[in-house]
């Protein structure tokens, strides 16, 4: 996720590449973890998005460009605006991850 964020930030803002990378990371985690670790894969998407937005807000605040956001917004304001702006990305990624987890549970061989 760090590499995706750095690559997408190269043009000065977070865009489609960040959203696509986020979705791919969360569904890859849901597909690749052991059956005993599915809980962690299920709670990863919100934590990953908030953590990534916190790091971006702290080190590259100008990369979060949201319509109506004050140029003088601080860390918390940019963090909240960044998470809200990527809400659709979070819903899509989290929904796909939960769907994959449900399929893995339903198709898991009995132990």
PDB file of N, CA and C in Angstrom:
ATOM      1  N   UNK A   1       0.830  -1.187   0.000  1.00  0.00           N
ATOM      2  CA  UNK A   1       0.000   0.000   0.000  1.00  0.00           C
ATOM      3  C   UNK A   1       0.874   1.251   0.000  1.00  0.00           C
ATOM      4  N   UNK A   2       2.021   1.160   0.661  1.00  0.00           N
ATOM      5  CA  UNK A   2       2.929   2.310   0.695  1.00  0.00           C
ATOM      6  C   UNK A   2       3.440   2.639  -0.705  1.00  0.00           C
ATOM      7  N   UNK A   3       3.794   1.612  -1.462  1.00  0.00           N
ATOM      8  CA  UNK A   3       4.292   1.830  -2.820  1.00  0.00           C
ATOM      9  C   UNK A   3       3.203   2.427  -3.714  1.00  0.00           C
ATOM     10  N   UNK A   4       2.004   1.928  -3.585  1.00  0.00           N
ATOM     11  CA  UNK A   4       0.882   2.454  -4.378  1.00  0.00           C
ATOM     12  C   UNK A   4       0.642   3.914  -4.031  1.00  0.00           C
ATOM     13  N   UNK A   5       0.670   4.237  -2.744  1.00  0.00           N
ATOM     14  CA  UNK A   5       0.458   5.619  -2.315  1.00  0.00           C
ATOM     15  C   UNK A   5       1.549   6.533  -2.857  1.00  0.00           C
ATOM     16  N   UNK A   6       2.795   6.098  -2.779  1.00  0.00           N
ATOM     17  CA  UNK A   6       3.894   6.923  -3.295  1.00  0.00           C
ATOM     18  C   UNK A   6       3.812   7.114  -4.797  1.00  0.00           C
ATOM     19  N   UNK A   7       3.463   6.048  -5.524  1.00  0.00           N
ATOM     20  CA  UNK A   7       3.337   6.173  -6.979  1.00  0.00           C
ATOM     21  C   UNK A   7       2.192   7.092  -7.367  1.00  0.00           C
ATOM     22  N   UNK A   8       1.071   6.968  -6.684  1.00  0.00           N
ATOM     23  CA  UNK A   8      -0.076   7.804  -7.040  1.00  0.00           C
ATOM     24  C   UNK A   8       0.129   9.245  -6.604  1.00  0.00           C
ATOM     25  N   UNK A   9       0.884   9.451  -5.564  1.00  0.00           N
ATOM     26  CA  UNK A   9       1.143  10.803  -5.081  1.00  0.00           C
ATOM     27  C   UNK A   9       2.112  11.563  -5.979  1.00  0.00           C
ATOM     28  N   UNK A  10       2.709  10.891  -6.939  1.00  0.00           N
ATOM     29  CA  UNK A  10       3.714  11.529  -7.799  1.00  0.00           C
ATOM     30  C   UNK A  10       3.145  12.697  -8.596  1.00  0.00           C
ATOM     31  N   UNK A  11       1.842  12.696  -8.851  1.00  0.00           N
ATOM     32  CA  UNK A  11       1.238  13.830  -9.555  1.00  0.00           C
ATOM     33  C   UNK A  11       0.692  14.882  -8.590  1.00  0.00           C
ATOM     34  N   UNK A  12       0.932  14.707  -7.300  1.00  0.00           N
ATOM     35  CA  UNK A  12       0.536  15.718  -6.333  1.00  0.00           C
ATOM     36  C   UNK A  12      -0.761  15.446  -5.609  1.00  0.00           C
ATOM     37  N   UNK A  13      -1.487  14.410  -5.979  1.00  0.00           N
ATOM     38  CA  UNK A  13      -2.755  14.097  -5.314  1.00  0.00           C
ATOM     39  C   UNK A  13      -3.031  12.609  -5.394  1.00  0.00           C
ATOM     40  N   UNK A  14      -3.923  12.154  -4.560  1.00  0.00           N
ATOM     41  CA  UNK A  14      -4.343  10.756  -4.600  1.00  0.00           C
ATOM     42  C   UNK A  14      -5.521  10.636  -5.560  1.00  0.00           C
ATOM     43  N   UNK A  15      -5.489   9.629  -6.411  1.00  0.00           N
ATOM     44  CA  UNK A  15      -6.543   9.485  -7.403  1.00  0.00           C
ATOM     45  C   UNK A  15      -6.967   8.048  -7.592  1.00  0.00           C
ATOM     46  N   UNK A  16      -7.250   7.711  -8.856  1.00  0.00           N
ATOM     47  CA  UNK A  16      -7.783   6.395  -9.189  1.00  0.00           C
ATOM     48  C   UNK A  16      -6.810   5.271  -8.870  1.00  0.00           C
ATOM     49  N   UNK A  17      -5.527   5.481  -9.082  1.00  0.00           N
ATOM     50  CA  UNK A  17      -4.538   4.444  -8.797  1.00  0.00           C
ATOM     51  C   UNK A  17      -4.565   4.055  -7.316  1.00  0.00           C
ATOM     52  N   UNK A  18      -4.716   5.025  -6.440  1.00  0.00           N
ATOM     53  CA  UNK A  18      -4.818   4.735  -5.013  1.00  0.00           C
ATOM     54  C   UNK A  18      -6.045   3.882  -4.724  1.00  0.00           C
ATOM     55  N   UNK A  19      -7.182   4.263  -5.284  1.00  0.00           N
ATOM     56  CA  UNK A  19      -8.419   3.505  -5.059  1.00  0.00           C
ATOM     57  C   UNK A  19      -8.310   2.084  -5.586  1.00  0.00           C
ATOM     58  N   UNK A  20      -7.799   1.934  -6.782  1.00  0.00           N
ATOM     59  CA  UNK A  20      -7.638   0.607  -7.373  1.00  0.00           C
ATOM     60  C   UNK A  20      -6.665  -0.234  -6.562  1.00  0.00           C
ATOM     61  N   UNK A  21      -5.557   0.343  -6.174  1.00  0.00           N
ATOM     62  CA  UNK A  21      -4.572  -0.375  -5.366  1.00  0.00           C
ATOM     63  C   UNK A  21      -5.135  -0.793  -4.024  1.00  0.00           C
ATOM     64  N   UNK A  22      -5.919   0.071  -3.395  1.00  0.00           N
ATOM     65  CA  UNK A  22      -6.531  -0.260  -2.114  1.00  0.00           C
ATOM     66  C   UNK A  22      -7.451  -1.465  -2.248  1.00  0.00           C
ATOM     67  N   UNK A  23      -8.306  -1.448  -3.257  1.00  0.00           N
ATOM     68  CA  UNK A  23      -9.238  -2.570  -3.462  1.00  0.00           C
ATOM     69  C   UNK A  23      -8.464  -3.854  -3.735  1.00  0.00           C
ATOM     70  N   UNK A  24      -7.444  -3.783  -4.565  1.00  0.00           N
ATOM     71  CA  UNK A  24      -6.661  -4.980  -4.865  1.00  0.00           C
ATOM     72  C   UNK A  24      -5.932  -5.519  -3.638  1.00  0.00           C
ATOM     73  N   UNK A  25      -5.417  -4.642  -2.795  1.00  0.00           N
ATOM     74  CA  UNK A  25      -4.726  -5.092  -1.584  1.00  0.00           C
ATOM     75  C   UNK A  25      -5.691  -5.806  -0.647  1.00  0.00           C
ATOM     76  N   UNK A  26      -6.869  -5.230  -0.403  1.00  0.00           N
ATOM     77  CA  UNK A  26      -7.774  -5.848   0.568  1.00  0.00           C
ATOM     78  C   UNK A  26      -8.365  -7.155   0.062  1.00  0.00           C
ATOM     79  N   UNK A  27      -8.620  -7.274  -1.247  1.00  0.00           N
ATOM     80  CA  UNK A  27      -9.145  -8.562  -1.724  1.00  0.00           C
ATOM     81  C   UNK A  27      -8.033  -9.606  -1.796  1.00  0.00           C
ATOM     82  N   UNK A  28      -6.805  -9.182  -2.057  1.00  0.00           N
ATOM     83  CA  UNK A  28      -5.688 -10.128  -2.052  1.00  0.00           C
ATOM     84  C   UNK A  28      -5.456 -10.682  -0.650  1.00  0.00           C
ATOM     85  N   UNK A  29      -5.547  -9.826   0.347  1.00  0.00           N
ATOM     86  CA  UNK A  29      -5.390 -10.289   1.730  1.00  0.00           C
ATOM     87  C   UNK A  29      -6.495 -11.272   2.081  1.00  0.00           C
ATOM     88  N   UNK A  30      -7.736 -10.956   1.700  1.00  0.00           N
ATOM     89  CA  UNK A  30      -8.863 -11.853   2.010  1.00  0.00           C
ATOM     90  C   UNK A  30      -8.707 -13.212   1.332  1.00  0.00           C
ATOM     91  N   UNK A  31      -8.093 -13.244   0.148  1.00  0.00           N
ATOM     92  CA  UNK A  31      -7.911 -14.512  -0.560  1.00  0.00           C
ATOM     93  C   UNK A  31      -6.698 -15.292  -0.063  1.00  0.00           C
ATOM     94  N   UNK A  32      -5.726 -14.623   0.511  1.00  0.00           N
ATOM     95  CA  UNK A  32      -4.459 -15.303   0.786  1.00  0.00           C
ATOM     96  C   UNK A  32      -4.240 -15.725   2.238  1.00  0.00           C
ATOM     97  N   UNK A  33      -5.009 -15.213   3.179  1.00  0.00           N
ATOM     98  CA  UNK A  33      -4.769 -15.572   4.574  1.00  0.00           C
ATOM     99  C   UNK A  33      -5.329 -16.954   4.889  1.00  0.00           C
ATOM    100  N   UNK A  34      -4.829 -17.527   5.972  1.00  0.00           N
ATOM    101  CA  UNK A  34      -5.306 -18.821   6.446  1.00  0.00           C
ATOM    102  C   UNK A  34      -6.741 -18.673   6.982  1.00  0.00           C
ATOM    103  N   UNK A  35      -7.481 -19.750   7.003  1.00  0.00           N
ATOM    104  CA  UNK A  35      -8.864 -19.697   7.479  1.00  0.00           C
ATOM    105  C   UNK A  35      -8.961 -19.209   8.924  1.00  0.00           C
ATOM    106  N   UNK A  36      -7.935 -19.449   9.721  1.00  0.00           N
ATOM    107  CA  UNK A  36      -7.949 -18.987  11.107  1.00  0.00           C
ATOM    108  C   UNK A  36      -7.717 -17.481  11.228  1.00  0.00           C
ATOM    109  N   UNK A  37      -7.301 -16.826  10.177  1.00  0.00           N
ATOM    110  CA  UNK A  37      -6.994 -15.397  10.206  1.00  0.00           C
ATOM    111  C   UNK A  37      -7.996 -14.556   9.428  1.00  0.00           C
ATOM    112  N   UNK A  38      -9.154 -15.088   9.163  1.00  0.00           N
ATOM    113  CA  UNK A  38     -10.132 -14.345   8.371  1.00  0.00           C
ATOM    114  C   UNK A  38     -10.700 -13.139   9.108  1.00  0.00           C
ATOM    115  N   UNK A  39     -10.737 -13.179  10.437  1.00  0.00           N
ATOM    116  CA  UNK A  39     -11.218 -12.020  11.187  1.00  0.00           C
ATOM    117  C   UNK A  39     -10.338 -10.807  10.914  1.00  0.00           C
ATOM    118  N   UNK A  40      -9.030 -11.001  10.958  1.00  0.00           N
ATOM    119  CA  UNK A  40      -8.100  -9.889  10.715  1.00  0.00           C
ATOM    120  C   UNK A  40      -8.264  -9.344   9.301  1.00  0.00           C
ATOM    121  N   UNK A  41      -8.475 -10.232   8.335  1.00  0.00           N
ATOM    122  CA  UNK A  41      -8.679  -9.780   6.955  1.00  0.00           C
ATOM    123  C   UNK A  41      -9.990  -9.020   6.822  1.00  0.00           C
ATOM    124  N   UNK A  42     -10.973  -9.343   7.653  1.00  0.00           N
ATOM    125  CA  UNK A  42     -12.261  -8.656   7.603  1.00  0.00           C
ATOM    126  C   UNK A  42     -12.237  -7.264   8.200  1.00  0.00           C
ATOM    127  N   UNK A  43     -11.392  -7.047   9.175  1.00  0.00           N
ATOM    128  CA  UNK A  43     -11.318  -5.722   9.795  1.00  0.00           C
ATOM    129  C   UNK A  43     -10.187  -4.864   9.211  1.00  0.00           C
ATOM    130  N   UNK A  44      -9.424  -5.421   8.295  1.00  0.00           N
ATOM    131  CA  UNK A  44      -8.297  -4.686   7.712  1.00  0.00           C
ATOM    132  C   UNK A  44      -8.702  -3.460   6.889  1.00  0.00           C
ATOM    133  N   UNK A  45      -9.709  -3.522   6.009  1.00  0.00           N
ATOM    134  CA  UNK A  45      -9.947  -2.385   5.114  1.00  0.00           C
ATOM    135  C   UNK A  45     -10.145  -1.036   5.800  1.00  0.00           C
ATOM    136  N   UNK A  46     -11.015  -0.900   6.813  1.00  0.00           N
ATOM    137  CA  UNK A  46     -11.126   0.426   7.437  1.00  0.00           C
ATOM    138  C   UNK A  46      -9.833   0.868   8.121  1.00  0.00           C
ATOM    139  N   UNK A  47      -9.170  -0.058   8.800  1.00  0.00           N
ATOM    140  CA  UNK A  47      -7.921   0.295   9.486  1.00  0.00           C
ATOM    141  C   UNK A  47      -6.841   0.706   8.487  1.00  0.00           C
ATOM    142  N   UNK A  48      -6.770   0.000   7.364  1.00  0.00           N
ATOM    143  CA  UNK A  48      -5.778   0.323   6.340  1.00  0.00           C
ATOM    144  C   UNK A  48      -6.040   1.692   5.724  1.00  0.00           C
ATOM    145  N   UNK A  49      -7.297   1.985   5.429  1.00  0.00           N
ATOM    146  CA  UNK A  49      -7.618   3.285   4.828  1.00  0.00           C
ATOM    147  C   UNK A  49      -7.344   4.415   5.816  1.00  0.00           C
ATOM    148  N   UNK A  50      -7.771   4.262   7.058  1.00  0.00           N
ATOM    149  CA  UNK A  50      -7.546   5.321   8.043  1.00  0.00           C
ATOM    150  C   UNK A  50      -6.056   5.498   8.310  1.00  0.00           C
ATOM    151  N   UNK A  51      -5.330   4.401   8.416  1.00  0.00           N
ATOM    152  CA  UNK A  51      -3.884   4.496   8.636  1.00  0.00           C
ATOM    153  C   UNK A  51      -3.155   5.156   7.476  1.00  0.00           C
ATOM    154  N   UNK A  52      -3.528   4.776   6.262  1.00  0.00           N
ATOM    155  CA  UNK A  52      -2.893   5.373   5.084  1.00  0.00           C
ATOM    156  C   UNK A  52      -3.221   6.854   4.979  1.00  0.00           C
ATOM    157  N   UNK A  53      -4.476   7.214   5.223  1.00  0.00           N
ATOM    158  CA  UNK A  53      -4.858   8.631   5.171  1.00  0.00           C
ATOM    159  C   UNK A  53      -4.169   9.423   6.283  1.00  0.00           C
ATOM    160  N   UNK A  54      -3.960   8.809   7.436  1.00  0.00           N
ATOM    161  CA  UNK A  54      -3.262   9.501   8.522  1.00  0.00           C
ATOM    162  C   UNK A  54      -1.819   9.803   8.125  1.00  0.00           C
ATOM    163  N   UNK A  55      -1.157   8.839   7.514  1.00  0.00           N
ATOM    164  CA  UNK A  55       0.224   9.056   7.082  1.00  0.00           C
ATOM    165  C   UNK A  55       0.296  10.116   5.985  1.00  0.00           C
ATOM    166  N   UNK A  56      -0.612  10.040   5.023  1.00  0.00           N
ATOM    167  CA  UNK A  56      -0.638  11.039   3.949  1.00  0.00           C
ATOM    168  C   UNK A  56      -0.951  12.421   4.519  1.00  0.00           C
ATOM    169  N   UNK A  57      -1.915  12.505   5.438  1.00  0.00           N
ATOM    170  CA  UNK A  57      -2.273  13.789   6.051  1.00  0.00           C
ATOM    171  C   UNK A  57      -1.116  14.388   6.836  1.00  0.00           C
ATOM    172  N   UNK A  58      -0.307  13.518   7.410  1.00  0.00           N
ATOM    173  CA  UNK A  58       0.808  13.993   8.227  1.00  0.00           C
ATOM    174  C   UNK A  58       1.986  14.461   7.371  1.00  0.00           C
ATOM    175  N   UNK A  59       2.353  13.676   6.359  1.00  0.00           N
ATOM    176  CA  UNK A  59       3.563  13.968   5.598  1.00  0.00           C
ATOM    177  C   UNK A  59       3.329  14.704   4.283  1.00  0.00           C
ATOM    178  N   UNK A  60       2.202  14.474   3.622  1.00  0.00           N
ATOM    179  CA  UNK A  60       1.894  15.116   2.340  1.00  0.00           C
ATOM    180  C   UNK A  60       0.466  15.647   2.360  1.00  0.00           C
ATOM    181  N   UNK A  61       0.177  16.643   3.177  1.00  0.00           N
ATOM    182  CA  UNK A  61      -1.209  17.110   3.317  1.00  0.00           C
ATOM    183  C   UNK A  61      -1.804  17.659   2.017  1.00  0.00           C
ATOM    184  N   UNK A  62      -0.979  18.171   1.113  1.00  0.00           N
ATOM    185  CA  UNK A  62      -1.512  18.704  -0.139  1.00  0.00           C
ATOM    186  C   UNK A  62      -1.998  17.620  -1.083  1.00  0.00           C
ATOM    187  N   UNK A  63      -1.665  16.368  -0.827  1.00  0.00           N
ATOM    188  CA  UNK A  63      -2.113  15.272  -1.682  1.00  0.00           C
ATOM    189  C   UNK A  63      -3.597  14.974  -1.487  1.00  0.00           C
ATOM    190  N   UNK A  64      -4.154  15.405  -0.363  1.00  0.00           N
ATOM    191  CA  UNK A  64      -5.590  15.215  -0.118  1.00  0.00           C
ATOM    192  C   UNK A  64      -6.299  16.467  -0.593  1.00  0.00           C
ATOM    193  N   UNK A  65      -6.911  16.352  -1.745  1.00  0.00           N
ATOM    194  CA  UNK A  65      -7.614  17.481  -2.355  1.00  0.00           C
ATOM    195  C   UNK A  65      -9.090  17.139  -2.458  1.00  0.00           C
ATOM    196  N   UNK A  66      -9.855  17.754  -1.570  1.00  0.00           N
ATOM    197  CA  UNK A  66     -11.290  17.517  -1.518  1.00  0.00           C
ATOM    198  C   UNK A  66     -11.988  18.841  -1.764  1.00  0.00           C
ATOM    199  N   UNK A  67     -13.008  18.814  -2.608  1.00  0.00           N
ATOM    200  CA  UNK A  67     -13.764  20.033  -2.915  1.00  0.00           C
ATOM    201  C   UNK A  67     -14.366  20.596  -1.628  1.00  0.00           C
ATOM    202  N   UNK A  68     -14.113  21.842  -1.368  1.00  0.00           N
ATOM    203  CA  UNK A  68     -14.646  22.510  -0.196  1.00  0.00           C
ATOM    204  C   UNK A  68     -13.748  22.466   1.023  1.00  0.00           C
ATOM    205  N   UNK A  69     -12.631  21.766   0.941  1.00  0.00           N
ATOM    206  CA  UNK A  69     -11.702  21.685   2.062  1.00  0.00           C
ATOM    207  C   UNK A  69     -10.858  22.953   2.111  1.00  0.00           C
ATOM    208  N   UNK A  70     -10.799  23.548   3.282  1.00  0.00           N
ATOM    209  CA  UNK A  70     -10.018  24.764   3.462  1.00  0.00           C
ATOM    210  C   UNK A  70      -8.531  24.487   3.241  1.00  0.00           C
ATOM    211  N   UNK A  71      -7.852  25.438   2.666  1.00  0.00           N
ATOM    212  CA  UNK A  71      -6.410  25.306   2.460  1.00  0.00           C
ATOM    213  C   UNK A  71      -5.663  25.301   3.785  1.00  0.00           C
ATOM    214  N   UNK A  72      -6.319  25.784   4.839  1.00  0.00           N
ATOM    215  CA  UNK A  72      -5.692  25.851   6.151  1.00  0.00           C
ATOM    216  C   UNK A  72      -6.127  24.701   7.059  1.00  0.00           C
ATOM    217  N   UNK A  73      -6.737  23.671   6.483  1.00  0.00           N
ATOM    218  CA  UNK A  73      -7.190  22.533   7.290  1.00  0.00           C
ATOM    219  C   UNK A  73      -5.992  21.824   7.904  1.00  0.00           C
ATOM    220  N   UNK A  74      -6.147  21.400   9.120  1.00  0.00           N
ATOM    221  CA  UNK A  74      -5.069  20.725   9.825  1.00  0.00           C
ATOM    222  C   UNK A  74      -5.077  19.230   9.582  1.00  0.00           C
ATOM    223  N   UNK A  75      -4.313  18.541  10.419  1.00  0.00           N
ATOM    224  CA  UNK A  75      -4.158  17.089  10.284  1.00  0.00           C
ATOM    225  C   UNK A  75      -5.490  16.360  10.392  1.00  0.00           C
ATOM    226  N   UNK A  76      -6.246  16.654  11.433  1.00  0.00           N
ATOM    227  CA  UNK A  76      -7.501  15.937  11.656  1.00  0.00           C
ATOM    228  C   UNK A  76      -8.514  16.259  10.558  1.00  0.00           C
ATOM    229  N   UNK A  77      -8.570  17.501  10.152  1.00  0.00           N
ATOM    230  CA  UNK A  77      -9.491  17.885   9.085  1.00  0.00           C
ATOM    231  C   UNK A  77      -9.186  17.190   7.770  1.00  0.00           C
ATOM    232  N   UNK A  78      -7.911  17.111   7.427  1.00  0.00           N
ATOM    233  CA  UNK A  78      -7.515  16.424   6.198  1.00  0.00           C
ATOM    234  C   UNK A  78      -7.714  14.919   6.309  1.00  0.00           C
ATOM    235  N   UNK A  79      -7.476  14.359   7.496  1.00  0.00           N
ATOM    236  CA  UNK A  79      -7.695  12.929   7.704  1.00  0.00           C
ATOM    237  C   UNK A  79      -9.166  12.589   7.508  1.00  0.00           C
ATOM    238  N   UNK A  80     -10.057  13.329   8.138  1.00  0.00           N
ATOM    239  CA  UNK A  80     -11.488  13.068   8.008  1.00  0.00           C
ATOM    240  C   UNK A  80     -11.945  13.283   6.578  1.00  0.00           C
ATOM    241  N   UNK A  81     -11.488  14.363   5.949  1.00  0.00           N
ATOM    242  CA  UNK A  81     -11.884  14.638   4.563  1.00  0.00           C
ATOM    243  C   UNK A  81     -11.379  13.558   3.615  1.00  0.00           C
ATOM    244  N   UNK A  82     -10.153  13.075   3.838  1.00  0.00           N
ATOM    245  CA  UNK A  82      -9.596  12.027   2.991  1.00  0.00           C
ATOM    246  C   UNK A  82     -10.355  10.721   3.123  1.00  0.00           C
ATOM    247  N   UNK A  83     -10.718  10.358   4.347  1.00  0.00           N
ATOM    248  CA  UNK A  83     -11.466   9.112   4.558  1.00  0.00           C
ATOM    249  C   UNK A  83     -12.867   9.224   3.960  1.00  0.00           C
ATOM    250  N   UNK A  84     -13.521  10.360   4.151  1.00  0.00           N
ATOM    251  CA  UNK A  84     -14.859  10.547   3.588  1.00  0.00           C
ATOM    252  C   UNK A  84     -14.800  10.557   2.064  1.00  0.00           C
ATOM    253  N   UNK A  85     -13.783  11.211   1.504  1.00  0.00           N
ATOM    254  CA  UNK A  85     -13.644  11.275   0.051  1.00  0.00           C
ATOM    255  C   UNK A  85     -13.430   9.894  -0.561  1.00  0.00           C
ATOM    256  N   UNK A  86     -12.787   8.998   0.149  1.00  0.00           N
ATOM    257  CA  UNK A  86     -12.542   7.630  -0.326  1.00  0.00           C
ATOM    258  C   UNK A  86     -13.584   6.649   0.216  1.00  0.00           C
ATOM    259  N   UNK A  87     -14.747   7.135   0.602  1.00  0.00           N
ATOM    260  CA  UNK A  87     -15.793   6.285   1.161  1.00  0.00           C
ATOM    261  C   UNK A  87     -16.259   5.208   0.201  1.00  0.00           C
ATOM    262  N   UNK A  88     -16.446   5.559  -1.070  1.00  0.00           N
ATOM    263  CA  UNK A  88     -16.879   4.562  -2.056  1.00  0.00           C
ATOM    264  C   UNK A  88     -15.816   3.487  -2.245  1.00  0.00           C
ATOM    265  N   UNK A  89     -14.562   3.891  -2.222  1.00  0.00           N
ATOM    266  CA  UNK A  89     -13.469   2.922  -2.323  1.00  0.00           C
ATOM    267  C   UNK A  89     -13.498   1.960  -1.145  1.00  0.00           C
ATOM    268  N   UNK A  90     -13.732   2.485   0.046  1.00  0.00           N
ATOM    269  CA  UNK A  90     -13.801   1.642   1.236  1.00  0.00           C
ATOM    270  C   UNK A  90     -14.983   0.680   1.160  1.00  0.00           C
ATOM    271  N   UNK A  91     -16.132   1.158   0.731  1.00  0.00           N
ATOM    272  CA  UNK A  91     -17.319   0.296   0.636  1.00  0.00           C
ATOM    273  C   UNK A  91     -17.101  -0.820  -0.378  1.00  0.00           C
ATOM    274  N   UNK A  92     -16.549  -0.487  -1.531  1.00  0.00           N
ATOM    275  CA  UNK A  92     -16.300  -1.503  -2.562  1.00  0.00           C
ATOM    276  C   UNK A  92     -15.263  -2.517  -2.074  1.00  0.00           C
ATOM    277  N   UNK A  93     -14.146  -2.032  -1.556  1.00  0.00           N
ATOM    278  CA  UNK A  93     -13.094  -2.926  -1.099  1.00  0.00           C
ATOM    279  C   UNK A  93     -13.530  -3.797   0.060  1.00  0.00           C
ATOM    280  N   UNK A  94     -14.196  -3.190   1.038  1.00  0.00           N
ATOM    281  CA  UNK A  94     -14.635  -3.951   2.202  1.00  0.00           C
ATOM    282  C   UNK A  94     -15.718  -4.953   1.818  1.00  0.00           C
ATOM    283  N   UNK A  95     -16.638  -4.542   0.954  1.00  0.00           N
ATOM    284  CA  UNK A  95     -17.682  -5.461   0.505  1.00  0.00           C
ATOM    285  C   UNK A  95     -17.124  -6.662  -0.234  1.00  0.00           C
ATOM    286  N   UNK A  96     -16.178  -6.420  -1.130  1.00  0.00           N
ATOM    287  CA  UNK A  96     -15.553  -7.531  -1.853  1.00  0.00           C
ATOM    288  C   UNK A  96     -14.765  -8.438  -0.911  1.00  0.00           C
ATOM    289  N   UNK A  97     -14.047  -7.843   0.039  1.00  0.00           N
ATOM    290  CA  UNK A  97     -13.281  -8.649   0.993  1.00  0.00           C
ATOM    291  C   UNK A  97     -14.215  -9.509   1.840  1.00  0.00           C
ATOM    292  N   UNK A  98     -15.319  -8.931   2.319  1.00  0.00           N
ATOM    293  CA  UNK A  98     -16.267  -9.709   3.126  1.00  0.00           C
ATOM    294  C   UNK A  98     -16.937 -10.800   2.298  1.00  0.00           C
ATOM    295  N   UNK A  99     -17.220 -10.509   1.031  1.00  0.00           N
ATOM    296  CA  UNK A  99     -17.789 -11.528   0.152  1.00  0.00           C
ATOM    297  C   UNK A  99     -16.824 -12.684  -0.068  1.00  0.00           C
ATOM    298  N   UNK A 100     -15.574 -12.377  -0.273  1.00  0.00           N
ATOM    299  CA  UNK A 100     -14.556 -13.420  -0.452  1.00  0.00           C
ATOM    300  C   UNK A 100     -14.406 -14.236   0.827  1.00  0.00           C
ATOM    301  N   UNK A 101     -14.416 -13.558   1.963  1.00  0.00           N
ATOM    302  CA  UNK A 101     -14.317 -14.273   3.241  1.00  0.00           C
ATOM    303  C   UNK A 101     -15.506 -15.205   3.427  1.00  0.00           C
ATOM    304  N   UNK A 102     -16.710 -14.729   3.103  1.00  0.00           N
ATOM    305  CA  UNK A 102     -17.903 -15.579   3.226  1.00  0.00           C
ATOM    306  C   UNK A 102     -17.805 -16.797   2.314  1.00  0.00           C
ATOM    307  N   UNK A 103     -17.355 -16.595   1.083  1.00  0.00           N
ATOM    308  CA  UNK A 103     -17.185 -17.729   0.165  1.00  0.00           C
ATOM    309  C   UNK A 103     -16.136 -18.715   0.669  1.00  0.00           C
ATOM    310  N   UNK A 104     -15.070 -18.198   1.238  1.00  0.00           N
ATOM    311  CA  UNK A 104     -14.027 -19.095   1.767  1.00  0.00           C
ATOM    312  C   UNK A 104     -14.543 -19.902   2.944  1.00  0.00           C
ATOM    313  N   UNK A 105     -15.376 -19.300   3.789  1.00  0.00           N
ATOM    314  CA  UNK A 105     -15.939 -20.028   4.927  1.00  0.00           C
ATOM    315  C   UNK A 105     -16.921 -21.095   4.437  1.00  0.00           C
ATOM    316  N   UNK A 106     -17.767 -20.729   3.468  1.00  0.00           N
ATOM    317  CA  UNK A 106     -18.762 -21.677   2.962  1.00  0.00           C
ATOM    318  C   UNK A 106     -18.146 -22.837   2.198  1.00  0.00           C
ATOM    319  N   UNK A 107     -17.034 -22.595   1.539  1.00  0.00           N
ATOM    320  CA  UNK A 107     -16.425 -23.654   0.726  1.00  0.00           C
ATOM    321  C   UNK A 107     -15.256 -24.342   1.423  1.00  0.00           C
ATOM    322  N   UNK A 108     -15.015 -24.006   2.683  1.00  0.00           N
ATOM    323  CA  UNK A 108     -13.905 -24.603   3.417  1.00  0.00           C
ATOM    324  C   UNK A 108     -14.218 -26.073   3.720  1.00  0.00           C
ATOM    325  N   UNK A 109     -13.233 -26.923   3.559  1.00  0.00           N
ATOM    326  CA  UNK A 109     -13.451 -28.339   3.928  1.00  0.00           C
ATOM    327  C   UNK A 109     -13.594 -28.443   5.448  1.00  0.00           C
ATOM    328  N   UNK A 110     -14.400 -29.398   5.864  1.00  0.00           N
ATOM    329  CA  UNK A 110     -14.584 -29.605   7.310  1.00  0.00           C
ATOM    330  C   UNK A 110     -13.297 -30.073   7.943  1.00  0.00           C
ATOM    331  N   UNK A 111     -13.054 -29.583   9.132  1.00  0.00           N
ATOM    332  CA  UNK A 111     -11.824 -29.952   9.831  1.00  0.00           C
ATOM    333  C   UNK A 111     -12.129 -30.992  10.861  1.00  0.00           C
TER     334      UNK A 111
END
